[in-house]
Amino acid sequence: MTSTKQIVASQNILRMAVEIDDPRLPQLFWDKVAVDSRTGCWMWTACKNSDGYGSFNSEHGRYSGLAYLRCYTTLVGPVPEGLELDHLCRHRPCVNPAHLEPVPHIVNIERGERASRQVCSRGHEYTDANTHRRESEHGTGIWHERHCLACRKIRDADPASKEKHAKQSLDWYAANRDKINTQRRNRYAAKKEMEMV
């Protein structure tokens, strides 16, 4: 099994050889990239998805995937199993492989903008004593969330607020039940398929 240090070391060696306009990607790809000389980011200037990540379409107009992922896998290599790419520069449209690091999901979440907030929406500080962290599955896989305990106490002290929160959770699940179940079935089938190989 490859260690995280070996992965990072090999990624750093490969990154040094990566340059903009590399012929391994089509010119159509590079036409949609603008270099930000201030940050070193290779900013995707074409279509972006709802999360702000660049979307790349092939020469035939078919969706080819996320631009940063296409750039990384073509110029550096595949993302190691169990890891995902984290934008070190914090610019989602950036496709520069030197600004991407393969990390476990929890690390990516903890480094993210939302996780970097020091206070909740009501201004309570996120400290170890005031923060509840949990893993949960909502049809998209395992993800981590944190909750302000002070806000939870406020919500739980008001029966109407507690009832409203419970109703919102049930309504969300009812609205997304089919999607969640389909995703769970697909993950289960993929897992079974991998076990057979």
N, C-alpha and C. Protein backbone atom coordinates (compact mmCIF):
# COMPACT_ATOMS: atom_id res chain seq x y z
N MET A 1 0.84 -1.20 0.00
CA MET A 1 0.00 0.00 0.00
C MET A 1 0.88 1.25 0.00
N THR A 2 0.51 2.23 -0.78
CA THR A 2 1.28 3.47 -0.89
C THR A 2 0.93 4.40 0.26
N SER A 3 1.97 4.96 0.88
CA SER A 3 1.72 5.88 1.98
C SER A 3 1.34 7.26 1.44
N THR A 4 0.73 8.07 2.30
CA THR A 4 0.34 9.43 1.91
C THR A 4 1.57 10.25 1.56
N LYS A 5 2.70 10.05 2.30
CA LYS A 5 3.91 10.80 2.01
C LYS A 5 4.45 10.46 0.63
N GLN A 6 4.38 9.16 0.24
CA GLN A 6 4.85 8.75 -1.08
C GLN A 6 3.99 9.38 -2.17
N ILE A 7 2.67 9.41 -1.94
CA ILE A 7 1.75 9.99 -2.92
C ILE A 7 2.07 11.47 -3.10
N VAL A 8 2.21 12.20 -1.99
CA VAL A 8 2.49 13.63 -2.06
C VAL A 8 3.83 13.87 -2.75
N ALA A 9 4.85 13.06 -2.41
CA ALA A 9 6.17 13.23 -3.02
C ALA A 9 6.10 12.99 -4.52
N SER A 10 5.40 11.93 -4.94
CA SER A 10 5.31 11.65 -6.38
C SER A 10 4.50 12.73 -7.08
N GLN A 11 3.47 13.25 -6.44
CA GLN A 11 2.67 14.31 -7.05
C GLN A 11 3.51 15.57 -7.22
N ASN A 12 4.35 15.90 -6.23
CA ASN A 12 5.18 17.10 -6.32
C ASN A 12 6.19 16.99 -7.45
N ILE A 13 6.78 15.81 -7.64
CA ILE A 13 7.73 15.61 -8.74
C ILE A 13 7.03 15.80 -10.07
N LEU A 14 5.85 15.21 -10.20
CA LEU A 14 5.12 15.32 -11.46
C LEU A 14 4.65 16.75 -11.73
N ARG A 15 4.29 17.47 -10.69
CA ARG A 15 3.79 18.83 -10.86
C ARG A 15 4.84 19.75 -11.48
N MET A 16 6.10 19.51 -11.15
CA MET A 16 7.14 20.40 -11.65
C MET A 16 7.23 20.35 -13.17
N ALA A 17 6.86 19.22 -13.78
CA ALA A 17 6.94 19.07 -15.23
C ALA A 17 5.70 19.59 -15.94
N VAL A 18 4.67 19.98 -15.21
CA VAL A 18 3.41 20.42 -15.80
C VAL A 18 3.47 21.90 -16.17
N GLU A 19 3.13 22.20 -17.40
CA GLU A 19 3.11 23.58 -17.86
C GLU A 19 1.80 23.85 -18.59
N ILE A 20 1.44 25.11 -18.61
CA ILE A 20 0.23 25.50 -19.33
C ILE A 20 0.46 25.26 -20.82
N ASP A 21 -0.61 24.97 -21.54
CA ASP A 21 -0.59 24.63 -22.97
C ASP A 21 0.08 23.29 -23.25
N ASP A 22 0.12 22.41 -22.25
CA ASP A 22 0.69 21.08 -22.43
C ASP A 22 -0.11 20.36 -23.53
N PRO A 23 0.57 19.76 -24.52
CA PRO A 23 -0.14 19.14 -25.65
C PRO A 23 -0.94 17.89 -25.31
N ARG A 24 -0.81 17.38 -24.07
CA ARG A 24 -1.60 16.21 -23.69
C ARG A 24 -3.08 16.53 -23.54
N LEU A 25 -3.40 17.80 -23.39
CA LEU A 25 -4.79 18.24 -23.38
C LEU A 25 -5.06 18.98 -24.69
N PRO A 26 -6.28 18.87 -25.22
CA PRO A 26 -6.58 19.53 -26.50
C PRO A 26 -6.54 21.06 -26.38
N GLN A 27 -6.28 21.70 -27.50
CA GLN A 27 -6.23 23.17 -27.53
C GLN A 27 -7.57 23.76 -27.09
N LEU A 28 -8.66 23.03 -27.37
CA LEU A 28 -9.99 23.46 -26.95
C LEU A 28 -10.03 23.67 -25.43
N PHE A 29 -9.34 22.82 -24.69
CA PHE A 29 -9.26 22.95 -23.24
C PHE A 29 -8.50 24.22 -22.87
N TRP A 30 -7.31 24.41 -23.45
CA TRP A 30 -6.45 25.55 -23.10
C TRP A 30 -7.06 26.89 -23.51
N ASP A 31 -7.91 26.88 -24.53
CA ASP A 31 -8.59 28.11 -24.94
C ASP A 31 -9.50 28.66 -23.85
N LYS A 32 -9.85 27.81 -22.90
CA LYS A 32 -10.79 28.19 -21.83
C LYS A 32 -10.07 28.47 -20.51
N VAL A 33 -8.73 28.60 -20.57
CA VAL A 33 -7.94 28.81 -19.36
C VAL A 33 -7.22 30.15 -19.44
N ALA A 34 -7.31 30.93 -18.37
CA ALA A 34 -6.59 32.20 -18.28
C ALA A 34 -5.72 32.16 -17.02
N VAL A 35 -4.46 32.53 -17.17
CA VAL A 35 -3.54 32.50 -16.04
C VAL A 35 -3.68 33.79 -15.24
N ASP A 36 -3.84 33.63 -13.93
CA ASP A 36 -3.86 34.77 -13.01
C ASP A 36 -2.44 34.94 -12.50
N SER A 37 -1.73 35.95 -13.00
CA SER A 37 -0.31 36.13 -12.67
C SER A 37 -0.10 36.44 -11.18
N ARG A 38 -1.12 36.95 -10.52
CA ARG A 38 -1.01 37.29 -9.10
C ARG A 38 -1.01 36.04 -8.23
N THR A 39 -1.88 35.06 -8.55
CA THR A 39 -2.03 33.87 -7.71
C THR A 39 -1.39 32.62 -8.31
N GLY A 40 -1.13 32.65 -9.62
CA GLY A 40 -0.62 31.46 -10.30
C GLY A 40 -1.72 30.49 -10.67
N CYS A 41 -2.97 30.86 -10.42
CA CYS A 41 -4.10 30.00 -10.76
C CYS A 41 -4.30 29.96 -12.28
N TRP A 42 -4.70 28.79 -12.76
CA TRP A 42 -5.12 28.65 -14.15
C TRP A 42 -6.65 28.66 -14.10
N MET A 43 -7.23 29.82 -14.28
CA MET A 43 -8.67 29.99 -14.08
C MET A 43 -9.48 29.52 -15.28
N TRP A 44 -10.48 28.70 -15.02
CA TRP A 44 -11.38 28.20 -16.05
C TRP A 44 -12.37 29.31 -16.38
N THR A 45 -12.41 29.70 -17.65
CA THR A 45 -13.24 30.84 -18.04
C THR A 45 -14.54 30.43 -18.71
N ALA A 46 -14.71 29.15 -18.98
CA ALA A 46 -15.93 28.68 -19.66
C ALA A 46 -16.98 28.28 -18.63
N CYS A 47 -17.85 27.40 -19.03
CA CYS A 47 -18.99 26.97 -18.21
C CYS A 47 -18.55 26.42 -16.86
N LYS A 48 -19.30 26.79 -15.83
CA LYS A 48 -19.05 26.28 -14.47
C LYS A 48 -20.34 25.64 -13.95
N ASN A 49 -20.19 24.65 -13.08
CA ASN A 49 -21.38 24.03 -12.51
C ASN A 49 -21.90 24.90 -11.35
N SER A 50 -22.95 24.44 -10.70
CA SER A 50 -23.59 25.25 -9.64
C SER A 50 -22.69 25.46 -8.43
N ASP A 51 -21.66 24.64 -8.28
CA ASP A 51 -20.71 24.80 -7.17
C ASP A 51 -19.51 25.66 -7.55
N GLY A 52 -19.44 26.11 -8.80
CA GLY A 52 -18.36 26.99 -9.22
C GLY A 52 -17.17 26.29 -9.84
N TYR A 53 -17.23 24.97 -10.00
CA TYR A 53 -16.15 24.22 -10.63
C TYR A 53 -16.35 24.22 -12.15
N GLY A 54 -15.25 24.33 -12.90
CA GLY A 54 -15.33 24.35 -14.35
C GLY A 54 -15.81 23.03 -14.91
N SER A 55 -16.67 23.10 -15.94
CA SER A 55 -17.16 21.92 -16.65
C SER A 55 -16.57 21.91 -18.05
N PHE A 56 -15.99 20.79 -18.43
CA PHE A 56 -15.35 20.69 -19.75
C PHE A 56 -16.18 19.82 -20.68
N ASN A 57 -16.42 20.32 -21.88
CA ASN A 57 -17.11 19.57 -22.92
C ASN A 57 -16.10 19.22 -24.00
N SER A 58 -16.22 18.02 -24.54
CA SER A 58 -15.29 17.57 -25.57
C SER A 58 -15.53 18.32 -26.88
N GLU A 59 -14.70 18.00 -27.87
CA GLU A 59 -14.83 18.63 -29.19
C GLU A 59 -16.21 18.37 -29.80
N HIS A 60 -16.83 17.27 -29.38
CA HIS A 60 -18.13 16.88 -29.93
C HIS A 60 -19.30 17.46 -29.13
N GLY A 61 -19.00 18.32 -28.15
CA GLY A 61 -20.04 18.97 -27.37
C GLY A 61 -20.58 18.14 -26.24
N ARG A 62 -20.02 16.95 -26.02
CA ARG A 62 -20.49 16.10 -24.93
C ARG A 62 -19.76 16.46 -23.64
N TYR A 63 -20.45 16.33 -22.53
CA TYR A 63 -19.87 16.63 -21.22
C TYR A 63 -18.73 15.65 -20.94
N SER A 64 -17.57 16.18 -20.60
CA SER A 64 -16.41 15.34 -20.32
C SER A 64 -16.05 15.32 -18.85
N GLY A 65 -16.68 16.15 -18.05
CA GLY A 65 -16.41 16.13 -16.62
C GLY A 65 -15.91 17.46 -16.09
N LEU A 66 -15.42 17.41 -14.88
CA LEU A 66 -14.91 18.61 -14.23
C LEU A 66 -13.54 18.96 -14.81
N ALA A 67 -13.36 20.22 -15.13
CA ALA A 67 -12.13 20.67 -15.81
C ALA A 67 -10.90 20.42 -14.96
N TYR A 68 -10.96 20.72 -13.66
CA TYR A 68 -9.77 20.54 -12.82
C TYR A 68 -9.39 19.07 -12.71
N LEU A 69 -10.39 18.18 -12.67
CA LEU A 69 -10.12 16.76 -12.57
C LEU A 69 -9.54 16.23 -13.88
N ARG A 70 -10.09 16.70 -15.00
CA ARG A 70 -9.56 16.30 -16.31
C ARG A 70 -8.11 16.75 -16.46
N CYS A 71 -7.81 17.96 -16.06
CA CYS A 71 -6.45 18.50 -16.16
C CYS A 71 -5.50 17.69 -15.27
N TYR A 72 -5.89 17.44 -14.05
CA TYR A 72 -5.03 16.72 -13.11
C TYR A 72 -4.76 15.29 -13.59
N THR A 73 -5.82 14.56 -13.94
CA THR A 73 -5.64 13.16 -14.32
C THR A 73 -4.85 13.03 -15.62
N THR A 74 -4.97 14.00 -16.52
CA THR A 74 -4.22 13.95 -17.78
C THR A 74 -2.76 14.32 -17.57
N LEU A 75 -2.50 15.35 -16.80
CA LEU A 75 -1.13 15.87 -16.66
C LEU A 75 -0.34 15.25 -15.51
N VAL A 76 -1.02 14.80 -14.46
CA VAL A 76 -0.32 14.27 -13.29
C VAL A 76 -0.53 12.77 -13.16
N GLY A 77 -1.76 12.33 -13.29
CA GLY A 77 -2.09 10.92 -13.14
C GLY A 77 -3.38 10.76 -12.37
N PRO A 78 -3.81 9.52 -12.18
CA PRO A 78 -5.09 9.31 -11.49
C PRO A 78 -5.03 9.73 -10.02
N VAL A 79 -6.18 10.11 -9.51
CA VAL A 79 -6.29 10.44 -8.09
C VAL A 79 -6.29 9.11 -7.33
N PRO A 80 -5.41 8.95 -6.34
CA PRO A 80 -5.35 7.68 -5.60
C PRO A 80 -6.71 7.32 -5.00
N GLU A 81 -6.99 6.03 -4.98
CA GLU A 81 -8.27 5.54 -4.46
C GLU A 81 -8.45 5.98 -3.01
N GLY A 82 -9.65 6.44 -2.70
CA GLY A 82 -9.97 6.87 -1.35
C GLY A 82 -9.64 8.33 -1.08
N LEU A 83 -9.06 9.00 -2.09
CA LEU A 83 -8.72 10.42 -1.93
C LEU A 83 -9.49 11.24 -2.94
N GLU A 84 -9.56 12.54 -2.70
CA GLU A 84 -10.18 13.48 -3.63
C GLU A 84 -9.29 14.71 -3.70
N LEU A 85 -9.46 15.50 -4.75
CA LEU A 85 -8.60 16.66 -4.94
C LEU A 85 -9.10 17.85 -4.14
N ASP A 86 -8.18 18.49 -3.44
CA ASP A 86 -8.47 19.69 -2.67
C ASP A 86 -7.78 20.87 -3.35
N HIS A 87 -8.51 21.95 -3.56
CA HIS A 87 -7.95 23.17 -4.13
C HIS A 87 -7.20 23.92 -3.03
N LEU A 88 -5.88 23.86 -3.04
CA LEU A 88 -5.08 24.54 -2.03
C LEU A 88 -5.23 26.05 -2.13
N CYS A 89 -5.48 26.54 -3.35
CA CYS A 89 -5.61 27.99 -3.57
C CYS A 89 -6.99 28.51 -3.17
N ARG A 90 -7.93 27.59 -2.91
CA ARG A 90 -9.31 27.93 -2.55
C ARG A 90 -10.09 28.60 -3.68
N HIS A 91 -9.61 28.49 -4.92
CA HIS A 91 -10.33 29.02 -6.09
C HIS A 91 -10.90 27.84 -6.87
N ARG A 92 -12.20 27.64 -6.79
CA ARG A 92 -12.82 26.49 -7.43
C ARG A 92 -12.64 26.44 -8.94
N PRO A 93 -12.59 27.57 -9.65
CA PRO A 93 -12.40 27.48 -11.10
C PRO A 93 -10.95 27.17 -11.51
N CYS A 94 -10.02 27.10 -10.57
CA CYS A 94 -8.61 26.86 -10.87
C CYS A 94 -8.40 25.41 -11.32
N VAL A 95 -7.66 25.23 -12.43
CA VAL A 95 -7.35 23.89 -12.95
C VAL A 95 -5.86 23.59 -12.87
N ASN A 96 -5.07 24.43 -12.22
CA ASN A 96 -3.63 24.24 -12.12
C ASN A 96 -3.35 23.03 -11.22
N PRO A 97 -2.74 21.96 -11.77
CA PRO A 97 -2.48 20.77 -10.95
C PRO A 97 -1.57 21.05 -9.75
N ALA A 98 -0.74 22.08 -9.83
CA ALA A 98 0.12 22.42 -8.70
C ALA A 98 -0.69 22.98 -7.53
N HIS A 99 -1.93 23.38 -7.78
CA HIS A 99 -2.80 23.91 -6.73
C HIS A 99 -3.77 22.85 -6.21
N LEU A 100 -3.61 21.62 -6.66
CA LEU A 100 -4.50 20.53 -6.27
C LEU A 100 -3.72 19.48 -5.49
N GLU A 101 -4.33 19.00 -4.42
CA GLU A 101 -3.67 17.98 -3.61
C GLU A 101 -4.66 16.86 -3.31
N PRO A 102 -4.26 15.60 -3.55
CA PRO A 102 -5.13 14.48 -3.19
C PRO A 102 -5.15 14.31 -1.67
N VAL A 103 -6.33 14.36 -1.09
CA VAL A 103 -6.48 14.24 0.37
C VAL A 103 -7.72 13.41 0.67
N PRO A 104 -7.82 12.85 1.88
CA PRO A 104 -9.06 12.18 2.28
C PRO A 104 -10.21 13.19 2.36
N HIS A 105 -11.43 12.71 2.25
CA HIS A 105 -12.61 13.57 2.25
C HIS A 105 -12.67 14.47 3.48
N ILE A 106 -12.39 13.91 4.65
CA ILE A 106 -12.50 14.69 5.89
C ILE A 106 -11.53 15.87 5.88
N VAL A 107 -10.34 15.67 5.33
CA VAL A 107 -9.36 16.76 5.26
C VAL A 107 -9.87 17.85 4.33
N ASN A 108 -10.43 17.44 3.19
CA ASN A 108 -10.98 18.41 2.24
C ASN A 108 -12.09 19.22 2.89
N ILE A 109 -12.95 18.56 3.63
CA ILE A 109 -14.07 19.25 4.31
C ILE A 109 -13.53 20.22 5.35
N GLU A 110 -12.57 19.75 6.16
CA GLU A 110 -12.04 20.61 7.22
C GLU A 110 -11.32 21.83 6.68
N ARG A 111 -10.73 21.70 5.50
CA ARG A 111 -10.03 22.83 4.89
C ARG A 111 -10.97 23.79 4.17
N GLY A 112 -12.17 23.35 3.90
CA GLY A 112 -13.11 24.13 3.10
C GLY A 112 -13.52 25.44 3.74
N GLU A 113 -14.12 26.28 2.92
CA GLU A 113 -14.53 27.61 3.38
C GLU A 113 -15.48 27.54 4.56
N ARG A 114 -16.46 26.67 4.48
CA ARG A 114 -17.45 26.58 5.56
C ARG A 114 -16.78 26.13 6.85
N ALA A 115 -15.89 25.15 6.73
CA ALA A 115 -15.22 24.63 7.91
C ALA A 115 -14.24 25.63 8.51
N SER A 116 -13.79 26.59 7.71
CA SER A 116 -12.81 27.55 8.22
C SER A 116 -13.47 28.68 9.02
N ARG A 117 -14.78 28.71 9.03
CA ARG A 117 -15.47 29.74 9.82
C ARG A 117 -15.19 29.51 11.30
N GLN A 118 -14.97 30.58 12.02
CA GLN A 118 -14.65 30.48 13.43
C GLN A 118 -15.88 30.63 14.33
N VAL A 119 -16.99 31.14 13.74
CA VAL A 119 -18.21 31.32 14.51
C VAL A 119 -19.40 30.83 13.69
N CYS A 120 -20.49 30.48 14.38
CA CYS A 120 -21.71 30.05 13.69
C CYS A 120 -22.48 31.27 13.19
N SER A 121 -23.61 31.04 12.58
CA SER A 121 -24.39 32.14 12.01
C SER A 121 -24.94 33.10 13.08
N ARG A 122 -25.04 32.63 14.33
CA ARG A 122 -25.50 33.50 15.43
C ARG A 122 -24.34 34.13 16.18
N GLY A 123 -23.10 33.84 15.77
CA GLY A 123 -21.94 34.46 16.39
C GLY A 123 -21.30 33.68 17.52
N HIS A 124 -21.77 32.44 17.78
CA HIS A 124 -21.14 31.62 18.82
C HIS A 124 -19.84 31.04 18.26
N GLU A 125 -18.80 31.07 19.08
CA GLU A 125 -17.50 30.58 18.65
C GLU A 125 -17.48 29.05 18.58
N TYR A 126 -16.87 28.52 17.50
CA TYR A 126 -16.70 27.07 17.38
C TYR A 126 -15.49 26.65 18.20
N THR A 127 -15.74 26.14 19.39
CA THR A 127 -14.69 25.60 20.25
C THR A 127 -14.98 24.12 20.42
N ASP A 128 -14.03 23.37 20.98
CA ASP A 128 -14.26 21.94 21.22
C ASP A 128 -15.47 21.73 22.14
N ALA A 129 -15.62 22.61 23.12
CA ALA A 129 -16.73 22.48 24.08
C ALA A 129 -18.07 22.88 23.47
N ASN A 130 -18.07 23.71 22.44
CA ASN A 130 -19.31 24.22 21.86
C ASN A 130 -19.60 23.63 20.49
N THR A 131 -18.88 22.61 20.07
CA THR A 131 -19.05 22.07 18.73
C THR A 131 -19.33 20.58 18.77
N HIS A 132 -20.39 20.18 18.05
CA HIS A 132 -20.71 18.76 17.90
C HIS A 132 -20.39 18.38 16.46
N ARG A 133 -19.56 17.35 16.27
CA ARG A 133 -19.22 16.86 14.92
C ARG A 133 -19.81 15.47 14.77
N ARG A 134 -20.26 15.19 13.54
CA ARG A 134 -20.78 13.85 13.28
C ARG A 134 -20.61 13.49 11.82
N GLU A 135 -20.64 12.18 11.59
CA GLU A 135 -20.65 11.66 10.23
C GLU A 135 -22.09 11.23 9.96
N SER A 136 -22.55 11.49 8.76
CA SER A 136 -23.89 11.05 8.42
C SER A 136 -23.96 10.70 6.95
N GLU A 137 -24.95 9.91 6.59
CA GLU A 137 -25.11 9.51 5.20
C GLU A 137 -26.46 10.04 4.72
N HIS A 138 -26.42 10.84 3.66
CA HIS A 138 -27.64 11.42 3.11
C HIS A 138 -27.74 11.12 1.62
N GLY A 139 -27.44 9.89 1.24
CA GLY A 139 -27.59 9.51 -0.16
C GLY A 139 -26.43 9.89 -1.05
N THR A 140 -25.51 10.69 -0.56
CA THR A 140 -24.37 11.08 -1.39
C THR A 140 -23.08 10.52 -0.83
N GLY A 141 -23.16 9.66 0.13
CA GLY A 141 -21.96 9.09 0.76
C GLY A 141 -21.75 9.68 2.14
N ILE A 142 -20.66 9.29 2.73
CA ILE A 142 -20.34 9.76 4.07
C ILE A 142 -19.85 11.19 4.00
N TRP A 143 -20.34 12.03 4.86
CA TRP A 143 -19.84 13.40 4.95
C TRP A 143 -19.92 13.84 6.39
N HIS A 144 -19.18 14.83 6.71
CA HIS A 144 -19.04 15.29 8.09
C HIS A 144 -19.71 16.65 8.23
N GLU A 145 -20.28 16.87 9.38
CA GLU A 145 -20.90 18.17 9.65
C GLU A 145 -20.61 18.55 11.09
N ARG A 146 -20.72 19.82 11.36
CA ARG A 146 -20.56 20.29 12.73
C ARG A 146 -21.72 21.19 13.08
N HIS A 147 -22.08 21.18 14.35
CA HIS A 147 -23.21 21.97 14.83
C HIS A 147 -22.78 22.74 16.07
N CYS A 148 -23.30 23.94 16.19
CA CYS A 148 -23.06 24.78 17.36
C CYS A 148 -23.98 24.28 18.48
N LEU A 149 -23.39 23.88 19.59
CA LEU A 149 -24.18 23.38 20.70
C LEU A 149 -25.00 24.47 21.38
N ALA A 150 -24.49 25.69 21.39
CA ALA A 150 -25.25 26.81 21.98
C ALA A 150 -26.53 27.04 21.17
N CYS A 151 -26.42 26.99 19.85
CA CYS A 151 -27.61 27.16 19.00
C CYS A 151 -28.58 26.00 19.19
N ARG A 152 -28.04 24.81 19.35
CA ARG A 152 -28.90 23.64 19.56
C ARG A 152 -29.68 23.79 20.86
N LYS A 153 -29.03 24.29 21.91
CA LYS A 153 -29.72 24.49 23.20
C LYS A 153 -30.84 25.52 23.04
N ILE A 154 -30.58 26.58 22.30
CA ILE A 154 -31.61 27.60 22.05
C ILE A 154 -32.78 26.99 21.31
N ARG A 155 -32.47 26.21 20.25
CA ARG A 155 -33.53 25.59 19.45
C ARG A 155 -34.32 24.59 20.28
N ASP A 156 -33.62 23.78 21.05
CA ASP A 156 -34.30 22.75 21.83
C ASP A 156 -35.11 23.31 22.99
N ALA A 157 -34.77 24.50 23.45
CA ALA A 157 -35.52 25.13 24.55
C ALA A 157 -36.89 25.60 24.08
N ASP A 158 -37.04 25.86 22.80
CA ASP A 158 -38.30 26.34 22.24
C ASP A 158 -39.00 25.17 21.55
N PRO A 159 -40.08 24.63 22.14
CA PRO A 159 -40.77 23.48 21.55
C PRO A 159 -41.23 23.73 20.10
N ALA A 160 -41.68 24.94 19.80
CA ALA A 160 -42.14 25.24 18.43
C ALA A 160 -40.98 25.16 17.45
N SER A 161 -39.82 25.65 17.86
CA SER A 161 -38.64 25.61 17.00
C SER A 161 -38.18 24.17 16.78
N LYS A 162 -38.20 23.38 17.84
CA LYS A 162 -37.79 21.98 17.75
C LYS A 162 -38.72 21.22 16.81
N GLU A 163 -40.02 21.48 16.93
CA GLU A 163 -41.01 20.82 16.07
C GLU A 163 -40.82 21.25 14.61
N LYS A 164 -40.56 22.54 14.39
CA LYS A 164 -40.34 23.05 13.04
C LYS A 164 -39.11 22.39 12.41
N HIS A 165 -38.03 22.24 13.18
CA HIS A 165 -36.80 21.63 12.68
C HIS A 165 -37.06 20.17 12.31
N ALA A 166 -37.79 19.44 13.15
CA ALA A 166 -38.10 18.04 12.88
C ALA A 166 -38.95 17.91 11.61
N LYS A 167 -39.92 18.81 11.45
CA LYS A 167 -40.76 18.79 10.24
C LYS A 167 -39.95 19.08 8.99
N GLN A 168 -39.00 20.04 9.07
CA GLN A 168 -38.16 20.35 7.92
C GLN A 168 -37.32 19.14 7.52
N SER A 169 -36.80 18.42 8.51
CA SER A 169 -35.99 17.23 8.22
C SER A 169 -36.83 16.16 7.54
N LEU A 170 -38.04 15.94 8.05
CA LEU A 170 -38.92 14.94 7.44
C LEU A 170 -39.35 15.36 6.03
N ASP A 171 -39.63 16.64 5.84
CA ASP A 171 -40.02 17.13 4.52
C ASP A 171 -38.89 16.96 3.52
N TRP A 172 -37.66 17.27 3.96
CA TRP A 172 -36.51 17.12 3.07
C TRP A 172 -36.35 15.66 2.67
N TYR A 173 -36.44 14.75 3.63
CA TYR A 173 -36.28 13.34 3.33
C TYR A 173 -37.38 12.85 2.39
N ALA A 174 -38.63 13.27 2.63
CA ALA A 174 -39.74 12.86 1.77
C ALA A 174 -39.53 13.35 0.33
N ALA A 175 -39.04 14.57 0.20
CA ALA A 175 -38.83 15.15 -1.14
C ALA A 175 -37.67 14.47 -1.87
N ASN A 176 -36.72 13.91 -1.13
CA ASN A 176 -35.52 13.34 -1.74
C ASN A 176 -35.41 11.82 -1.59
N ARG A 177 -36.47 11.19 -1.11
CA ARG A 177 -36.43 9.75 -0.82
C ARG A 177 -36.03 8.91 -2.03
N ASP A 178 -36.65 9.14 -3.17
CA ASP A 178 -36.35 8.34 -4.36
C ASP A 178 -34.90 8.52 -4.80
N LYS A 179 -34.43 9.75 -4.79
CA LYS A 179 -33.05 10.04 -5.18
C LYS A 179 -32.07 9.34 -4.22
N ILE A 180 -32.33 9.44 -2.93
CA ILE A 180 -31.47 8.83 -1.91
C ILE A 180 -31.43 7.32 -2.10
N ASN A 181 -32.60 6.70 -2.26
CA ASN A 181 -32.66 5.25 -2.42
C ASN A 181 -31.97 4.79 -3.70
N THR A 182 -32.12 5.54 -4.78
CA THR A 182 -31.44 5.20 -6.03
C THR A 182 -29.93 5.27 -5.86
N GLN A 183 -29.45 6.32 -5.21
CA GLN A 183 -28.01 6.46 -4.98
C GLN A 183 -27.49 5.33 -4.09
N ARG A 184 -28.24 4.97 -3.08
CA ARG A 184 -27.82 3.86 -2.20
C ARG A 184 -27.76 2.56 -2.98
N ARG A 185 -28.79 2.28 -3.82
CA ARG A 185 -28.78 1.06 -4.63
C ARG A 185 -27.59 1.04 -5.58
N ASN A 186 -27.30 2.19 -6.20
CA ASN A 186 -26.18 2.27 -7.14
C ASN A 186 -24.85 2.02 -6.42
N ARG A 187 -24.68 2.61 -5.24
CA ARG A 187 -23.45 2.38 -4.47
C ARG A 187 -23.32 0.92 -4.07
N TYR A 188 -24.44 0.32 -3.66
CA TYR A 188 -24.42 -1.08 -3.25
C TYR A 188 -24.07 -1.97 -4.44
N ALA A 189 -24.66 -1.69 -5.61
CA ALA A 189 -24.38 -2.48 -6.81
C ALA A 189 -22.92 -2.33 -7.24
N ALA A 190 -22.41 -1.10 -7.16
CA ALA A 190 -21.01 -0.87 -7.53
C ALA A 190 -20.08 -1.61 -6.57
N LYS A 191 -20.42 -1.60 -5.29
CA LYS A 191 -19.61 -2.30 -4.29
C LYS A 191 -19.61 -3.80 -4.57
N LYS A 192 -20.78 -4.36 -4.86
CA LYS A 192 -20.89 -5.79 -5.17
C LYS A 192 -20.11 -6.13 -6.44
N GLU A 193 -20.18 -5.25 -7.42
CA GLU A 193 -19.47 -5.45 -8.68
C GLU A 193 -17.96 -5.47 -8.44
N MET A 194 -17.48 -4.56 -7.58
CA MET A 194 -16.05 -4.50 -7.26
C MET A 194 -15.60 -5.76 -6.51
N GLU A 195 -16.48 -6.30 -5.67
CA GLU A 195 -16.14 -7.52 -4.93
C GLU A 195 -16.00 -8.71 -5.84
N MET A 196 -16.77 -8.73 -6.95
CA MET A 196 -16.72 -9.84 -7.89
C MET A 196 -15.46 -9.83 -8.74
N VAL A 197 -14.87 -8.63 -8.90
CA VAL A 197 -13.69 -8.51 -9.76
C VAL A 197 -12.46 -9.02 -9.11
